[in-house]
Amino acid sequence: MPGKQQNGPLREKTLKFAVRIVKLQRYLVEEKREFVLSKQLLRSGTNPGAMVREAENAESTQDFIHKLGIAQKEIGETI
């Protein structure tokens, strides 16, 4: 299966991205008192890492590609 790396660069990058998103969300809530957009940012910004990890356990190549496609869409939404 194409995604069986346990600590590959994509996994590491999505983890770092999620950590930055969490810090940004905390800043928006604590400093700017912004709640609506910050909640959506948190959801869409942390989901790609989860999808990459799900892709690592994909049942087929098509499932692997599908899960990474979802991760890509979530990154786009976050941007």
C-alpha atoms as a PDB file:
ATOM      1  CA  MET A   1       0.000   0.000   0.000  1.00  0.00           C
ATOM      2  CA  PRO A   2       1.436   3.396  -0.969  1.00  0.00           C
ATOM      3  CA  GLY A   3       0.976   5.137   2.373  1.00  0.00           C
ATOM      4  CA  LYS A   4       2.454   2.836   4.991  1.00  0.00           C
ATOM      5  CA  GLN A   5       5.146   5.283   6.201  1.00  0.00           C
ATOM      6  CA  GLN A   6       4.801   5.864   9.899  1.00  0.00           C
ATOM      7  CA  ASN A   7       6.848   9.068  10.161  1.00  0.00           C
ATOM      8  CA  GLY A   8       7.049  10.356   6.621  1.00  0.00           C
ATOM      9  CA  PRO A   9       7.426  13.996   5.607  1.00  0.00           C
ATOM     10  CA  LEU A  10       3.715  14.443   4.868  1.00  0.00           C
ATOM     11  CA  ARG A  11       2.762  13.214   8.307  1.00  0.00           C
ATOM     12  CA  GLU A  12       5.324  15.509   9.919  1.00  0.00           C
ATOM     13  CA  LYS A  13       4.226  18.548   7.898  1.00  0.00           C
ATOM     14  CA  THR A  14       0.530  18.046   8.630  1.00  0.00           C
ATOM     15  CA  LEU A  15       1.296  17.727  12.338  1.00  0.00           C
ATOM     16  CA  LYS A  16       3.301  20.966  12.331  1.00  0.00           C
ATOM     17  CA  PHE A  17       0.536  22.643  10.338  1.00  0.00           C
ATOM     18  CA  ALA A  18      -2.099  21.505  12.852  1.00  0.00           C
ATOM     19  CA  VAL A  19      -0.036  22.806  15.764  1.00  0.00           C
ATOM     20  CA  ARG A  20       0.268  26.218  14.067  1.00  0.00           C
ATOM     21  CA  ILE A  21      -3.491  26.249  13.418  1.00  0.00           C
ATOM     22  CA  VAL A  22      -4.247  25.490  17.067  1.00  0.00           C
ATOM     23  CA  LYS A  23      -1.962  28.328  18.162  1.00  0.00           C
ATOM     24  CA  LEU A  24      -3.602  30.699  15.675  1.00  0.00           C
ATOM     25  CA  GLN A  25      -7.076  29.690  16.847  1.00  0.00           C
ATOM     26  CA  ARG A  26      -6.111  30.302  20.474  1.00  0.00           C
ATOM     27  CA  TYR A  27      -4.738  33.722  19.547  1.00  0.00           C
ATOM     28  CA  LEU A  28      -7.915  34.644  17.671  1.00  0.00           C
ATOM     29  CA  VAL A  29     -10.125  33.615  20.577  1.00  0.00           C
ATOM     30  CA  GLU A  30      -8.035  35.025  23.412  1.00  0.00           C
ATOM     31  CA  GLU A  31      -6.722  38.227  21.849  1.00  0.00           C
ATOM     32  CA  LYS A  32      -9.284  39.152  19.213  1.00  0.00           C
ATOM     33  CA  ARG A  33     -12.407  37.582  20.754  1.00  0.00           C
ATOM     34  CA  GLU A  34     -13.229  35.947  17.428  1.00  0.00           C
ATOM     35  CA  PHE A  35     -15.196  32.704  17.709  1.00  0.00           C
ATOM     36  CA  VAL A  36     -17.080  31.822  14.525  1.00  0.00           C
ATOM     37  CA  LEU A  37     -14.263  31.783  11.961  1.00  0.00           C
ATOM     38  CA  SER A  38     -11.733  30.477  14.460  1.00  0.00           C
ATOM     39  CA  LYS A  39     -13.849  27.355  15.079  1.00  0.00           C
ATOM     40  CA  GLN A  40     -14.034  26.588  11.358  1.00  0.00           C
ATOM     41  CA  LEU A  41     -10.317  27.300  10.975  1.00  0.00           C
ATOM     42  CA  LEU A  42      -9.589  24.813  13.746  1.00  0.00           C
ATOM     43  CA  ARG A  43     -11.730  22.122  12.104  1.00  0.00           C
ATOM     44  CA  SER A  44     -10.418  22.545   8.571  1.00  0.00           C
ATOM     45  CA  GLY A  45      -6.812  23.109   9.653  1.00  0.00           C
ATOM     46  CA  THR A  46      -6.492  20.018  11.817  1.00  0.00           C
ATOM     47  CA  ASN A  47      -8.388  17.625   9.541  1.00  0.00           C
ATOM     48  CA  PRO A  48      -5.624  17.137   6.918  1.00  0.00           C
ATOM     49  CA  GLY A  49      -3.390  15.408   9.456  1.00  0.00           C
ATOM     50  CA  ALA A  50      -6.195  13.047  10.396  1.00  0.00           C
ATOM     51  CA  MET A  51      -6.853  12.276   6.741  1.00  0.00           C
ATOM     52  CA  VAL A  52      -3.159  11.557   6.088  1.00  0.00           C
ATOM     53  CA  ARG A  53      -3.176   9.105   8.977  1.00  0.00           C
ATOM     54  CA  GLU A  54      -6.362   7.504   7.668  1.00  0.00           C
ATOM     55  CA  ALA A  55      -4.750   7.230   4.239  1.00  0.00           C
ATOM     56  CA  GLU A  56      -1.907   5.265   5.816  1.00  0.00           C
ATOM     57  CA  ASN A  57      -4.479   2.615   6.692  1.00  0.00           C
ATOM     58  CA  ALA A  58      -6.392   2.780   3.423  1.00  0.00           C
ATOM     59  CA  GLU A  59      -8.095  -0.372   2.210  1.00  0.00           C
ATOM     60  CA  SER A  60      -7.062   0.173  -1.408  1.00  0.00           C
ATOM     61  CA  THR A  61      -5.083   2.500  -3.631  1.00  0.00           C
ATOM     62  CA  GLN A  62      -8.324   4.272  -4.587  1.00  0.00           C
ATOM     63  CA  ASP A  63      -9.191   4.747  -0.913  1.00  0.00           C
ATOM     64  CA  PHE A  64      -5.680   6.111  -0.290  1.00  0.00           C
ATOM     65  CA  ILE A  65      -6.030   8.644  -3.118  1.00  0.00           C
ATOM     66  CA  HIS A  66      -9.525   9.608  -1.961  1.00  0.00           C
ATOM     67  CA  LYS A  67      -8.396  10.324   1.604  1.00  0.00           C
ATOM     68  CA  LEU A  68      -5.447  12.419   0.444  1.00  0.00           C
ATOM     69  CA  GLY A  69      -7.827  14.306  -1.855  1.00  0.00           C
ATOM     70  CA  ILE A  70      -9.994  15.170   1.139  1.00  0.00           C
ATOM     71  CA  ALA A  71      -6.902  16.370   3.003  1.00  0.00           C
ATOM     72  CA  GLN A  72      -6.020  18.595   0.050  1.00  0.00           C
ATOM     73  CA  LYS A  73      -9.529  20.088   0.006  1.00  0.00           C
ATOM     74  CA  GLU A  74      -9.325  20.847   3.729  1.00  0.00           C
ATOM     75  CA  ILE A  75      -6.008  22.636   3.215  1.00  0.00           C
ATOM     76  CA  GLY A  76      -7.659  24.695   0.482  1.00  0.00           C
ATOM     77  CA  GLU A  77     -10.543  25.563   2.783  1.00  0.00           C
ATOM     78  CA  THR A  78      -8.113  26.601   5.501  1.00  0.00           C
ATOM     79  CA  ILE A  79      -6.263  28.897   3.128  1.00  0.00           C
END
